[in-house]
Every structure is written in structure tokens, then in C-alpha cells.
PDB file of all heavy atoms in Angstrom:
ATOM      1  N   SER A   1     -10.797   5.080  -8.706  1.00  0.00           N
ATOM      2  CA  SER A   1     -11.812   4.176  -8.164  1.00  0.00           C
ATOM      3  C   SER A   1     -12.346   3.259  -9.271  1.00  0.00           C
ATOM      4  O   SER A   1     -12.248   3.610 -10.505  1.00  0.00           O
ATOM      5  CB  SER A   1     -12.864   4.945  -7.272  1.00  0.00           C
ATOM      6  OG  SER A   1     -13.580   5.741  -8.086  1.00  0.00           O
ATOM      7  N   ASP A   2     -12.974   2.141  -8.839  1.00  0.00           N
ATOM      8  CA  ASP A   2     -13.507   1.261  -9.807  1.00  0.00           C
ATOM      9  C   ASP A   2     -14.554   0.390  -9.251  1.00  0.00           C
ATOM     10  O   ASP A   2     -14.847   0.502  -7.936  1.00  0.00           O
ATOM     11  CB  ASP A   2     -12.401   0.366 -10.490  1.00  0.00           C
ATOM     12  CG  ASP A   2     -11.706  -0.552  -9.456  1.00  0.00           C
ATOM     13  OD1 ASP A   2     -12.292  -1.304  -8.783  1.00  0.00           O
ATOM     14  OD2 ASP A   2     -10.464  -0.307  -9.332  1.00  0.00           O
ATOM     15  N   THR A   3     -15.303  -0.306 -10.067  1.00  0.00           N
ATOM     16  CA  THR A   3     -16.332  -1.192  -9.612  1.00  0.00           C
ATOM     17  C   THR A   3     -15.846  -2.658  -9.616  1.00  0.00           C
ATOM     18  O   THR A   3     -16.559  -3.508  -9.894  1.00  0.00           O
ATOM     19  CB  THR A   3     -17.637  -1.012 -10.466  1.00  0.00           C
ATOM     20  OG1 THR A   3     -17.306  -1.269 -11.887  1.00  0.00           O
ATOM     21  CG2 THR A   3     -18.124   0.406 -10.374  1.00  0.00           C
ATOM     22  N   GLY A   4     -14.531  -2.798  -9.391  1.00  0.00           N
ATOM     23  CA  GLY A   4     -13.905  -4.101  -9.566  1.00  0.00           C
ATOM     24  C   GLY A   4     -14.206  -4.932  -8.285  1.00  0.00           C
ATOM     25  O   GLY A   4     -15.062  -4.697  -7.457  1.00  0.00           O
ATOM     26  N   VAL A   5     -13.439  -6.082  -8.100  1.00  0.00           N
ATOM     27  CA  VAL A   5     -13.745  -7.067  -7.133  1.00  0.00           C
ATOM     28  C   VAL A   5     -13.443  -6.560  -5.806  1.00  0.00           C
ATOM     29  O   VAL A   5     -14.005  -7.082  -4.640  1.00  0.00           O
ATOM     30  CB  VAL A   5     -12.743  -8.304  -7.383  1.00  0.00           C
ATOM     31  CG1 VAL A   5     -13.112  -9.007  -8.643  1.00  0.00           C
ATOM     32  CG2 VAL A   5     -11.436  -7.863  -7.256  1.00  0.00           C
ATOM     33  N   GLY A   6     -12.709  -5.470  -5.474  1.00  0.00           N
ATOM     34  CA  GLY A   6     -12.537  -4.913  -4.224  1.00  0.00           C
ATOM     35  C   GLY A   6     -11.466  -5.715  -3.406  1.00  0.00           C
ATOM     36  O   GLY A   6     -10.903  -6.646  -3.777  1.00  0.00           O
ATOM     37  N   VAL A   7     -11.366  -5.199  -2.225  1.00  0.00           N
ATOM     38  CA  VAL A   7     -10.463  -5.773  -1.208  1.00  0.00           C
ATOM     39  C   VAL A   7     -11.183  -6.011  -0.015  1.00  0.00           C
ATOM     40  O   VAL A   7     -11.849  -5.095   0.606  1.00  0.00           O
ATOM     41  CB  VAL A   7      -9.136  -4.820  -1.022  1.00  0.00           C
ATOM     42  CG1 VAL A   7      -8.270  -5.569  -0.002  1.00  0.00           C
ATOM     43  CG2 VAL A   7      -8.477  -4.622  -2.308  1.00  0.00           C
ATOM     44  N   ALA A   8     -11.000  -7.294   0.621  1.00  0.00           N
ATOM     45  CA  ALA A   8     -11.605  -7.616   1.847  1.00  0.00           C
ATOM     46  C   ALA A   8     -11.152  -6.676   3.014  1.00  0.00           C
ATOM     47  O   ALA A   8     -10.010  -6.265   3.007  1.00  0.00           O
ATOM     48  CB  ALA A   8     -11.340  -8.978   2.209  1.00  0.00           C
ATOM     49  N   GLN A   9     -12.025  -6.318   3.875  1.00  0.00           N
ATOM     50  CA  GLN A   9     -11.779  -5.319   4.957  1.00  0.00           C
ATOM     51  C   GLN A   9     -10.538  -5.761   5.747  1.00  0.00           C
ATOM     52  O   GLN A   9      -9.659  -4.963   6.059  1.00  0.00           O
ATOM     53  CB  GLN A   9     -12.967  -5.111   5.837  1.00  0.00           C
ATOM     54  CG  GLN A   9     -12.755  -3.874   6.721  1.00  0.00           C
ATOM     55  CD  GLN A   9     -12.657  -2.567   5.949  1.00  0.00           C
ATOM     56  OE1 GLN A   9     -13.340  -2.317   4.991  1.00  0.00           O
ATOM     57  NE2 GLN A   9     -11.838  -1.714   6.490  1.00  0.00           N
ATOM     58  N   ASP A  10     -10.428  -7.020   6.055  1.00  0.00           N
ATOM     59  CA  ASP A  10      -9.200  -7.564   6.790  1.00  0.00           C
ATOM     60  C   ASP A  10      -8.015  -7.544   6.032  1.00  0.00           C
ATOM     61  O   ASP A  10      -6.877  -7.847   6.630  1.00  0.00           O
ATOM     62  CB  ASP A  10      -9.575  -8.842   7.462  1.00  0.00           C
ATOM     63  CG  ASP A  10      -9.692  -9.978   6.325  1.00  0.00           C
ATOM     64  OD1 ASP A  10     -10.209  -9.634   5.222  1.00  0.00           O
ATOM     65  OD2 ASP A  10      -9.443 -11.177   6.600  1.00  0.00           O
ATOM     66  N   LYS A  11      -7.985  -7.220   4.738  1.00  0.00           N
ATOM     67  CA  LYS A  11      -6.678  -7.270   3.931  1.00  0.00           C
ATOM     68  C   LYS A  11      -6.211  -5.796   3.553  1.00  0.00           C
ATOM     69  O   LYS A  11      -5.106  -5.759   3.043  1.00  0.00           O
ATOM     70  CB  LYS A  11      -6.910  -8.066   2.577  1.00  0.00           C
ATOM     71  CG  LYS A  11      -7.432  -9.355   2.815  1.00  0.00           C
ATOM     72  CD  LYS A  11      -6.360 -10.341   3.319  1.00  0.00           C
ATOM     73  CE  LYS A  11      -6.938 -11.724   3.462  1.00  0.00           C
ATOM     74  NZ  LYS A  11      -6.025 -12.652   4.123  1.00  0.00           N
ATOM     75  N   ILE A  12      -7.079  -4.834   3.729  1.00  0.00           N
ATOM     76  CA  ILE A  12      -6.708  -3.430   3.401  1.00  0.00           C
ATOM     77  C   ILE A  12      -5.471  -3.039   3.998  1.00  0.00           C
ATOM     78  O   ILE A  12      -4.736  -2.426   3.232  1.00  0.00           O
ATOM     79  CB  ILE A  12      -7.878  -2.447   3.970  1.00  0.00           C
ATOM     80  CG1 ILE A  12      -9.190  -2.738   3.214  1.00  0.00           C
ATOM     81  CG2 ILE A  12      -7.408  -1.050   3.799  1.00  0.00           C
ATOM     82  CD1 ILE A  12      -9.252  -2.102   1.896  1.00  0.00           C
ATOM     83  N   ASP A  13      -5.130  -3.339   5.173  1.00  0.00           N
ATOM     84  CA  ASP A  13      -3.813  -2.884   5.820  1.00  0.00           C
ATOM     85  C   ASP A  13      -2.557  -3.519   5.248  1.00  0.00           C
ATOM     86  O   ASP A  13      -1.487  -3.131   5.504  1.00  0.00           O
ATOM     87  CB  ASP A  13      -3.828  -3.131   7.323  1.00  0.00           C
ATOM     88  CG  ASP A  13      -4.833  -2.352   8.113  1.00  0.00           C
ATOM     89  OD1 ASP A  13      -5.223  -1.233   7.589  1.00  0.00           O
ATOM     90  OD2 ASP A  13      -5.266  -2.739   9.247  1.00  0.00           O
ATOM     91  N   HIS A  14      -2.680  -4.575   4.438  1.00  0.00           N
ATOM     92  CA  HIS A  14      -1.677  -5.348   3.801  1.00  0.00           C
ATOM     93  C   HIS A  14      -1.436  -5.148   2.397  1.00  0.00           C
ATOM     94  O   HIS A  14      -0.516  -5.704   1.781  1.00  0.00           O
ATOM     95  CB  HIS A  14      -1.859  -6.862   4.196  1.00  0.00           C
ATOM     96  CG  HIS A  14      -2.019  -7.134   5.713  1.00  0.00           C
ATOM     97  ND1 HIS A  14      -0.945  -7.109   6.542  1.00  0.00           N
ATOM     98  CD2 HIS A  14      -3.144  -7.307   6.355  1.00  0.00           C
ATOM     99  CE1 HIS A  14      -1.471  -7.342   7.747  1.00  0.00           C
ATOM    100  NE2 HIS A  14      -2.702  -7.599   7.638  1.00  0.00           N
ATOM    101  N   ILE A  15      -2.241  -4.430   1.635  1.00  0.00           N
ATOM    102  CA  ILE A  15      -2.142  -4.260   0.180  1.00  0.00           C
ATOM    103  C   ILE A  15      -0.889  -3.631  -0.244  1.00  0.00           C
ATOM    104  O   ILE A  15      -0.565  -3.801  -1.443  1.00  0.00           O
ATOM    105  CB  ILE A  15      -3.380  -3.730  -0.511  1.00  0.00           C
ATOM    106  CG1 ILE A  15      -3.695  -2.202  -0.002  1.00  0.00           C
ATOM    107  CG2 ILE A  15      -4.644  -4.562  -0.167  1.00  0.00           C
ATOM    108  CD1 ILE A  15      -4.768  -1.590  -0.791  1.00  0.00           C
ATOM    109  N   PHE A  16      -0.220  -2.864   0.622  1.00  0.00           N
ATOM    110  CA  PHE A  16       0.963  -2.126   0.150  1.00  0.00           C
ATOM    111  C   PHE A  16       2.175  -2.956   0.615  1.00  0.00           C
ATOM    112  O   PHE A  16       3.344  -2.491   0.347  1.00  0.00           O
ATOM    113  CB  PHE A  16       1.006  -0.759   0.718  1.00  0.00           C
ATOM    114  CG  PHE A  16      -0.035   0.044   0.124  1.00  0.00           C
ATOM    115  CD1 PHE A  16      -1.131   0.475   0.822  1.00  0.00           C
ATOM    116  CD2 PHE A  16       0.150   0.596  -1.184  1.00  0.00           C
ATOM    117  CE1 PHE A  16      -2.103   1.273   0.249  1.00  0.00           C
ATOM    118  CE2 PHE A  16      -0.886   1.393  -1.831  1.00  0.00           C
ATOM    119  CZ  PHE A  16      -2.064   1.698  -0.972  1.00  0.00           C
ATOM    120  N   GLU A  17       2.077  -4.149   1.094  1.00  0.00           N
ATOM    121  CA  GLU A  17       3.256  -4.984   1.478  1.00  0.00           C
ATOM    122  C   GLU A  17       3.590  -5.733   0.300  1.00  0.00           C
ATOM    123  O   GLU A  17       2.811  -6.203  -0.486  1.00  0.00           O
ATOM    124  CB  GLU A  17       2.767  -5.988   2.651  1.00  0.00           C
ATOM    125  CG  GLU A  17       2.490  -5.277   3.918  1.00  0.00           C
ATOM    126  CD  GLU A  17       1.955  -6.222   5.035  1.00  0.00           C
ATOM    127  OE1 GLU A  17       1.915  -7.423   4.764  1.00  0.00           O
ATOM    128  OE2 GLU A  17       1.572  -5.770   6.024  1.00  0.00           O
ATOM    129  N   ALA A  18       5.002  -6.004   0.150  1.00  0.00           N
ATOM    130  CA  ALA A  18       5.479  -6.737  -0.947  1.00  0.00           C
ATOM    131  C   ALA A  18       5.031  -8.212  -1.020  1.00  0.00           C
ATOM    132  O   ALA A  18       4.856  -8.894   0.068  1.00  0.00           O
ATOM    133  CB  ALA A  18       7.110  -6.739  -0.825  1.00  0.00           C
ATOM    134  N   PHE A  19       4.624  -8.690  -2.187  1.00  0.00           N
ATOM    135  CA  PHE A  19       4.146  -9.921  -2.509  1.00  0.00           C
ATOM    136  C   PHE A  19       2.809 -10.214  -1.900  1.00  0.00           C
ATOM    137  O   PHE A  19       2.403 -11.386  -1.687  1.00  0.00           O
ATOM    138  CB  PHE A  19       5.169 -11.087  -2.098  1.00  0.00           C
ATOM    139  CG  PHE A  19       6.489 -10.786  -2.864  1.00  0.00           C
ATOM    140  CD1 PHE A  19       7.613 -10.374  -2.084  1.00  0.00           C
ATOM    141  CD2 PHE A  19       6.671 -10.923  -4.231  1.00  0.00           C
ATOM    142  CE1 PHE A  19       8.848 -10.059  -2.653  1.00  0.00           C
ATOM    143  CE2 PHE A  19       7.883 -10.793  -4.891  1.00  0.00           C
ATOM    144  CZ  PHE A  19       8.961 -10.296  -4.087  1.00  0.00           C
ATOM    145  N   SER A  20       2.166  -9.234  -1.278  1.00  0.00           N
ATOM    146  CA  SER A  20       0.911  -9.467  -0.711  1.00  0.00           C
ATOM    147  C   SER A  20      -0.331  -9.361  -1.679  1.00  0.00           C
ATOM    148  O   SER A  20      -0.482  -8.366  -2.421  1.00  0.00           O
ATOM    149  CB  SER A  20       0.715  -8.503   0.511  1.00  0.00           C
ATOM    150  OG  SER A  20      -0.454  -8.622   1.090  1.00  0.00           O
ATOM    151  N   GLN A  21      -1.188 -10.275  -1.672  1.00  0.00           N
ATOM    152  CA  GLN A  21      -2.440 -10.281  -2.450  1.00  0.00           C
ATOM    153  C   GLN A  21      -3.512 -10.756  -1.620  1.00  0.00           C
ATOM    154  O   GLN A  21      -3.284 -11.308  -0.469  1.00  0.00           O
ATOM    155  CB  GLN A  21      -2.364 -11.128  -3.732  1.00  0.00           C
ATOM    156  CG  GLN A  21      -1.332 -10.482  -4.782  1.00  0.00           C
ATOM    157  CD  GLN A  21      -1.334 -11.019  -6.007  1.00  0.00           C
ATOM    158  OE1 GLN A  21      -1.952 -12.133  -6.347  1.00  0.00           O
ATOM    159  NE2 GLN A  21      -0.716 -10.510  -7.043  1.00  0.00           N
ATOM    160  N   GLN A  22      -4.761 -10.592  -2.007  1.00  0.00           N
ATOM    161  CA  GLN A  22      -5.922 -10.867  -1.114  1.00  0.00           C
ATOM    162  C   GLN A  22      -5.771 -12.369  -0.629  1.00  0.00           C
ATOM    163  O   GLN A  22      -5.994 -12.669   0.499  1.00  0.00           O
ATOM    164  CB  GLN A  22      -7.188 -10.494  -1.911  1.00  0.00           C
ATOM    165  CG  GLN A  22      -8.420 -10.770  -0.980  1.00  0.00           C
ATOM    166  CD  GLN A  22      -9.552  -9.789  -1.425  1.00  0.00           C
ATOM    167  OE1 GLN A  22      -9.275  -8.672  -1.641  1.00  0.00           O
ATOM    168  NE2 GLN A  22     -10.741 -10.290  -1.410  1.00  0.00           N
ATOM    169  N   ASP A  23      -5.611 -13.282  -1.684  1.00  0.00           N
ATOM    170  CA  ASP A  23      -5.527 -14.597  -1.339  1.00  0.00           C
ATOM    171  C   ASP A  23      -4.899 -15.270  -2.471  1.00  0.00           C
ATOM    172  O   ASP A  23      -4.680 -14.733  -3.560  1.00  0.00           O
ATOM    173  CB  ASP A  23      -6.697 -15.294  -0.840  1.00  0.00           C
ATOM    174  CG  ASP A  23      -7.879 -15.189  -1.886  1.00  0.00           C
ATOM    175  OD1 ASP A  23      -7.572 -15.414  -3.082  1.00  0.00           O
ATOM    176  OD2 ASP A  23      -8.995 -14.932  -1.485  1.00  0.00           O
ATOM    177  N   THR A  24      -4.428 -16.598  -2.438  1.00  0.00           N
ATOM    178  CA  THR A  24      -3.894 -17.344  -3.510  1.00  0.00           C
ATOM    179  C   THR A  24      -4.682 -17.405  -4.724  1.00  0.00           C
ATOM    180  O   THR A  24      -4.219 -17.450  -5.919  1.00  0.00           O
ATOM    181  CB  THR A  24      -3.388 -18.659  -3.063  1.00  0.00           C
ATOM    182  OG1 THR A  24      -4.567 -19.355  -2.574  1.00  0.00           O
ATOM    183  CG2 THR A  24      -2.216 -18.582  -2.033  1.00  0.00           C
ATOM    184  N   SER A  25      -6.048 -17.337  -4.545  1.00  0.00           N
ATOM    185  CA  SER A  25      -6.929 -17.433  -5.754  1.00  0.00           C
ATOM    186  C   SER A  25      -6.816 -16.203  -6.538  1.00  0.00           C
ATOM    187  O   SER A  25      -7.050 -16.212  -7.869  1.00  0.00           O
ATOM    188  CB  SER A  25      -8.516 -17.774  -5.248  1.00  0.00           C
ATOM    189  OG  SER A  25      -8.906 -16.619  -4.538  1.00  0.00           O
ATOM    190  N   THR A  26      -6.506 -15.155  -5.933  1.00  0.00           N
ATOM    191  CA  THR A  26      -6.323 -13.829  -6.685  1.00  0.00           C
ATOM    192  C   THR A  26      -5.206 -14.021  -7.617  1.00  0.00           C
ATOM    193  O   THR A  26      -5.154 -13.555  -8.781  1.00  0.00           O
ATOM    194  CB  THR A  26      -6.071 -12.682  -5.760  1.00  0.00           C
ATOM    195  OG1 THR A  26      -7.231 -12.649  -4.888  1.00  0.00           O
ATOM    196  CG2 THR A  26      -5.898 -11.313  -6.477  1.00  0.00           C
ATOM    197  N   THR A  27      -3.953 -14.616  -7.166  1.00  0.00           N
ATOM    198  CA  THR A  27      -2.846 -14.787  -7.893  1.00  0.00           C
ATOM    199  C   THR A  27      -3.176 -15.712  -9.097  1.00  0.00           C
ATOM    200  O   THR A  27      -2.835 -15.503 -10.200  1.00  0.00           O
ATOM    201  CB  THR A  27      -1.656 -15.386  -7.126  1.00  0.00           C
ATOM    202  OG1 THR A  27      -1.462 -14.459  -6.031  1.00  0.00           O
ATOM    203  CG2 THR A  27      -0.437 -15.530  -7.932  1.00  0.00           C
ATOM    204  N   ARG A  28      -3.814 -16.798  -8.828  1.00  0.00           N
ATOM    205  CA  ARG A  28      -4.287 -17.776  -9.929  1.00  0.00           C
ATOM    206  C   ARG A  28      -5.111 -17.167 -10.919  1.00  0.00           C
ATOM    207  O   ARG A  28      -4.968 -17.237 -12.130  1.00  0.00           O
ATOM    208  CB  ARG A  28      -4.929 -18.908  -9.288  1.00  0.00           C
ATOM    209  CG  ARG A  28      -3.944 -19.943  -8.697  1.00  0.00           C
ATOM    210  CD  ARG A  28      -4.651 -21.297  -8.452  1.00  0.00           C
ATOM    211  NE  ARG A  28      -5.800 -21.220  -7.606  1.00  0.00           N
ATOM    212  CZ  ARG A  28      -5.917 -21.173  -6.282  1.00  0.00           C
ATOM    213  NH1 ARG A  28      -4.797 -21.166  -5.603  1.00  0.00           N
ATOM    214  NH2 ARG A  28      -7.078 -21.032  -5.639  1.00  0.00           N
ATOM    215  N   LYS A  29      -6.109 -16.383 -10.452  1.00  0.00           N
ATOM    216  CA  LYS A  29      -7.211 -15.829 -11.419  1.00  0.00           C
ATOM    217  C   LYS A  29      -6.659 -14.681 -12.176  1.00  0.00           C
ATOM    218  O   LYS A  29      -6.889 -14.500 -13.421  1.00  0.00           O
ATOM    219  CB  LYS A  29      -8.454 -15.437 -10.681  1.00  0.00           C
ATOM    220  CG  LYS A  29      -9.490 -14.928 -11.513  1.00  0.00           C
ATOM    221  CD  LYS A  29     -10.860 -14.700 -10.769  1.00  0.00           C
ATOM    222  CE  LYS A  29     -11.974 -14.351 -11.807  1.00  0.00           C
ATOM    223  NZ  LYS A  29     -13.310 -14.213 -10.990  1.00  0.00           N
ATOM    224  N   TYR A  30      -5.951 -13.704 -11.485  1.00  0.00           N
ATOM    225  CA  TYR A  30      -5.620 -12.485 -12.227  1.00  0.00           C
ATOM    226  C   TYR A  30      -4.039 -12.304 -12.557  1.00  0.00           C
ATOM    227  O   TYR A  30      -3.669 -11.432 -13.239  1.00  0.00           O
ATOM    228  CB  TYR A  30      -5.961 -11.240 -11.212  1.00  0.00           C
ATOM    229  CG  TYR A  30      -7.437 -11.150 -11.060  1.00  0.00           C
ATOM    230  CD1 TYR A  30      -8.031 -11.569  -9.899  1.00  0.00           C
ATOM    231  CD2 TYR A  30      -8.253 -10.660 -12.010  1.00  0.00           C
ATOM    232  CE1 TYR A  30      -9.392 -11.543  -9.657  1.00  0.00           C
ATOM    233  CE2 TYR A  30      -9.520 -10.636 -11.851  1.00  0.00           C
ATOM    234  CZ  TYR A  30     -10.193 -11.058 -10.664  1.00  0.00           C
ATOM    235  OH  TYR A  30     -11.598 -10.899 -10.478  1.00  0.00           O
ATOM    236  N   GLY A  31      -3.288 -13.173 -11.898  1.00  0.00           N
ATOM    237  CA  GLY A  31      -1.837 -13.102 -12.193  1.00  0.00           C
ATOM    238  C   GLY A  31      -1.185 -11.947 -11.364  1.00  0.00           C
ATOM    239  O   GLY A  31      -1.880 -11.302 -10.533  1.00  0.00           O
ATOM    240  N   GLY A  32      -0.056 -11.712 -11.669  1.00  0.00           N
ATOM    241  CA  GLY A  32       0.859 -10.580 -10.961  1.00  0.00           C
ATOM    242  C   GLY A  32       1.584 -11.229  -9.797  1.00  0.00           C
ATOM    243  O   GLY A  32       1.419 -12.316  -9.374  1.00  0.00           O
ATOM    244  N   THR A  33       2.429 -10.361  -9.247  1.00  0.00           N
ATOM    245  CA  THR A  33       3.264 -10.640  -8.078  1.00  0.00           C
ATOM    246  C   THR A  33       2.909 -10.017  -6.751  1.00  0.00           C
ATOM    247  O   THR A  33       3.501 -10.365  -5.787  1.00  0.00           O
ATOM    248  CB  THR A  33       4.803 -10.311  -8.462  1.00  0.00           C
ATOM    249  OG1 THR A  33       4.763  -8.960  -8.656  1.00  0.00           O
ATOM    250  CG2 THR A  33       5.235 -11.070  -9.690  1.00  0.00           C
ATOM    251  N   GLY A  34       2.095  -9.060  -6.846  1.00  0.00           N
ATOM    252  CA  GLY A  34       1.795  -8.325  -5.589  1.00  0.00           C
ATOM    253  C   GLY A  34       2.817  -7.267  -5.296  1.00  0.00           C
ATOM    254  O   GLY A  34       3.038  -6.827  -4.140  1.00  0.00           O
ATOM    255  N   LEU A  35       3.457  -6.738  -6.311  1.00  0.00           N
ATOM    256  CA  LEU A  35       4.627  -5.826  -6.118  1.00  0.00           C
ATOM    257  C   LEU A  35       4.083  -4.385  -6.575  1.00  0.00           C
ATOM    258  O   LEU A  35       4.764  -3.417  -6.161  1.00  0.00           O
ATOM    259  CB  LEU A  35       5.757  -6.126  -6.853  1.00  0.00           C
ATOM    260  CG  LEU A  35       6.625  -7.172  -6.212  1.00  0.00           C
ATOM    261  CD1 LEU A  35       7.868  -7.594  -7.053  1.00  0.00           C
ATOM    262  CD2 LEU A  35       7.047  -6.944  -4.891  1.00  0.00           C
ATOM    263  N   GLY A  36       3.142  -4.312  -7.389  1.00  0.00           N
ATOM    264  CA  GLY A  36       2.801  -2.999  -7.995  1.00  0.00           C
ATOM    265  C   GLY A  36       2.462  -1.892  -7.032  1.00  0.00           C
ATOM    266  O   GLY A  36       2.938  -0.733  -7.027  1.00  0.00           O
ATOM    267  N   LEU A  37       1.574  -2.189  -6.080  1.00  0.00           N
ATOM    268  CA  LEU A  37       1.160  -1.165  -5.056  1.00  0.00           C
ATOM    269  C   LEU A  37       2.241  -0.880  -4.046  1.00  0.00           C
ATOM    270  O   LEU A  37       2.473   0.253  -3.683  1.00  0.00           O
ATOM    271  CB  LEU A  37      -0.095  -1.775  -4.212  1.00  0.00           C
ATOM    272  CG  LEU A  37      -1.368  -1.788  -5.101  1.00  0.00           C
ATOM    273  CD1 LEU A  37      -2.438  -2.231  -4.176  1.00  0.00           C
ATOM    274  CD2 LEU A  37      -1.806  -0.461  -5.705  1.00  0.00           C
ATOM    275  N   THR A  38       3.082  -1.896  -3.766  1.00  0.00           N
ATOM    276  CA  THR A  38       4.279  -1.697  -3.028  1.00  0.00           C
ATOM    277  C   THR A  38       5.208  -0.713  -3.576  1.00  0.00           C
ATOM    278  O   THR A  38       5.769   0.203  -2.946  1.00  0.00           O
ATOM    279  CB  THR A  38       5.036  -3.042  -2.731  1.00  0.00           C
ATOM    280  OG1 THR A  38       4.151  -3.967  -2.121  1.00  0.00           O
ATOM    281  CG2 THR A  38       6.177  -2.894  -1.813  1.00  0.00           C
ATOM    282  N   ILE A  39       5.489  -0.990  -4.904  1.00  0.00           N
ATOM    283  CA  ILE A  39       6.486  -0.057  -5.553  1.00  0.00           C
ATOM    284  C   ILE A  39       5.905   1.258  -5.598  1.00  0.00           C
ATOM    285  O   ILE A  39       6.568   2.411  -5.396  1.00  0.00           O
ATOM    286  CB  ILE A  39       6.782  -0.584  -6.941  1.00  0.00           C
ATOM    287  CG1 ILE A  39       7.592  -1.907  -6.798  1.00  0.00           C
ATOM    288  CG2 ILE A  39       7.536   0.483  -7.829  1.00  0.00           C
ATOM    289  CD1 ILE A  39       7.717  -2.602  -8.086  1.00  0.00           C
ATOM    290  N   ALA A  40       4.660   1.497  -5.937  1.00  0.00           N
ATOM    291  CA  ALA A  40       3.912   2.725  -6.062  1.00  0.00           C
ATOM    292  C   ALA A  40       4.055   3.535  -4.707  1.00  0.00           C
ATOM    293  O   ALA A  40       4.396   4.739  -4.672  1.00  0.00           O
ATOM    294  CB  ALA A  40       2.496   2.638  -6.459  1.00  0.00           C
ATOM    295  N   SER A  41       3.756   2.849  -3.618  1.00  0.00           N
ATOM    296  CA  SER A  41       3.729   3.412  -2.293  1.00  0.00           C
ATOM    297  C   SER A  41       5.222   3.906  -1.950  1.00  0.00           C
ATOM    298  O   SER A  41       5.330   5.045  -1.420  1.00  0.00           O
ATOM    299  CB  SER A  41       3.219   2.354  -1.377  1.00  0.00           C
ATOM    300  OG  SER A  41       3.421   2.886   0.007  1.00  0.00           O
ATOM    301  N   LYS A  42       6.189   3.043  -2.238  1.00  0.00           N
ATOM    302  CA  LYS A  42       7.578   3.492  -1.887  1.00  0.00           C
ATOM    303  C   LYS A  42       8.043   4.699  -2.658  1.00  0.00           C
ATOM    304  O   LYS A  42       8.701   5.575  -2.117  1.00  0.00           O
ATOM    305  CB  LYS A  42       8.550   2.269  -2.071  1.00  0.00           C
ATOM    306  CG  LYS A  42       8.213   0.969  -1.328  1.00  0.00           C
ATOM    307  CD  LYS A  42       8.847   1.100  -0.020  1.00  0.00           C
ATOM    308  CE  LYS A  42       8.694  -0.209   0.725  1.00  0.00           C
ATOM    309  NZ  LYS A  42       8.403  -0.098   2.142  1.00  0.00           N
ATOM    310  N   VAL A  43       7.693   4.720  -3.925  1.00  0.00           N
ATOM    311  CA  VAL A  43       8.094   5.897  -4.695  1.00  0.00           C
ATOM    312  C   VAL A  43       7.481   7.064  -4.264  1.00  0.00           C
ATOM    313  O   VAL A  43       8.145   8.182  -4.170  1.00  0.00           O
ATOM    314  CB  VAL A  43       7.779   5.611  -6.231  1.00  0.00           C
ATOM    315  CG1 VAL A  43       7.988   6.855  -7.090  1.00  0.00           C
ATOM    316  CG2 VAL A  43       8.624   4.488  -6.834  1.00  0.00           C
ATOM    317  N   LEU A  44       6.183   7.029  -3.886  1.00  0.00           N
ATOM    318  CA  LEU A  44       5.528   8.163  -3.375  1.00  0.00           C
ATOM    319  C   LEU A  44       6.090   8.658  -2.051  1.00  0.00           C
ATOM    320  O   LEU A  44       6.236   9.875  -1.826  1.00  0.00           O
ATOM    321  CB  LEU A  44       3.934   7.965  -3.204  1.00  0.00           C
ATOM    322  CG  LEU A  44       3.146   7.966  -4.488  1.00  0.00           C
ATOM    323  CD1 LEU A  44       1.736   7.341  -4.137  1.00  0.00           C
ATOM    324  CD2 LEU A  44       3.073   9.275  -5.162  1.00  0.00           C
ATOM    325  N   GLN A  45       6.411   7.783  -1.201  1.00  0.00           N
ATOM    326  CA  GLN A  45       7.151   8.025   0.052  1.00  0.00           C
ATOM    327  C   GLN A  45       8.328   8.772  -0.079  1.00  0.00           C
ATOM    328  O   GLN A  45       8.687   9.807   0.550  1.00  0.00           O
ATOM    329  CB  GLN A  45       7.292   6.850   0.919  1.00  0.00           C
ATOM    330  CG  GLN A  45       5.952   6.172   1.457  1.00  0.00           C
ATOM    331  CD  GLN A  45       6.230   4.980   2.148  1.00  0.00           C
ATOM    332  OE1 GLN A  45       7.361   4.484   2.329  1.00  0.00           O
ATOM    333  NE2 GLN A  45       5.116   4.274   2.595  1.00  0.00           N
ATOM    334  N   LYS A  46       9.156   8.291  -1.164  1.00  0.00           N
ATOM    335  CA  LYS A  46      10.460   8.935  -1.345  1.00  0.00           C
ATOM    336  C   LYS A  46      10.333  10.250  -2.015  1.00  0.00           C
ATOM    337  O   LYS A  46      11.103  11.159  -1.712  1.00  0.00           O
ATOM    338  CB  LYS A  46      11.263   8.066  -2.388  1.00  0.00           C
ATOM    339  CG  LYS A  46      11.603   6.636  -1.907  1.00  0.00           C
ATOM    340  CD  LYS A  46      13.095   6.608  -1.693  1.00  0.00           C
ATOM    341  CE  LYS A  46      13.412   5.135  -1.256  1.00  0.00           C
ATOM    342  NZ  LYS A  46      14.184   5.087  -0.086  1.00  0.00           N
ATOM    343  N   MET A  47       9.150  10.677  -2.692  1.00  0.00           N
ATOM    344  CA  MET A  47       8.970  11.911  -3.189  1.00  0.00           C
ATOM    345  C   MET A  47       8.356  12.865  -2.227  1.00  0.00           C
ATOM    346  O   MET A  47       8.125  14.058  -2.495  1.00  0.00           O
ATOM    347  CB  MET A  47       8.150  11.817  -4.516  1.00  0.00           C
ATOM    348  CG  MET A  47       8.884  11.315  -5.722  1.00  0.00           C
ATOM    349  SD  MET A  47       7.908  11.555  -7.302  1.00  0.00           S
ATOM    350  CE  MET A  47       6.510  10.547  -6.982  1.00  0.00           C
TER     351      MET A  47
END
């Protein structure tokens, strides 16, 4: 857990979807592709 920016309640269900980020400003400000949580989720499911 962290004290970071957090995720809006209406976006929580989508954070594990490929290329999904909170909004386009998140991509501009922080970078990334939106694949990290998707990959982590898929690997955990496979295990």
C-alpha cells in the first residue's frame, strides 16, 4: 500500500485490463503503458 495518487473508484474494476490507465493525463504525467498490473494479474492466475 502507499500514500500515492490512488485510483478513482469508477476505475478500480479496470486497472487490471491491458493498456488501461486512470486517464490520459496519467500516461502523460507518469509514463508507462498500462501493462504492468495486467501482466502481474495474469501470472498470478496461471500460478
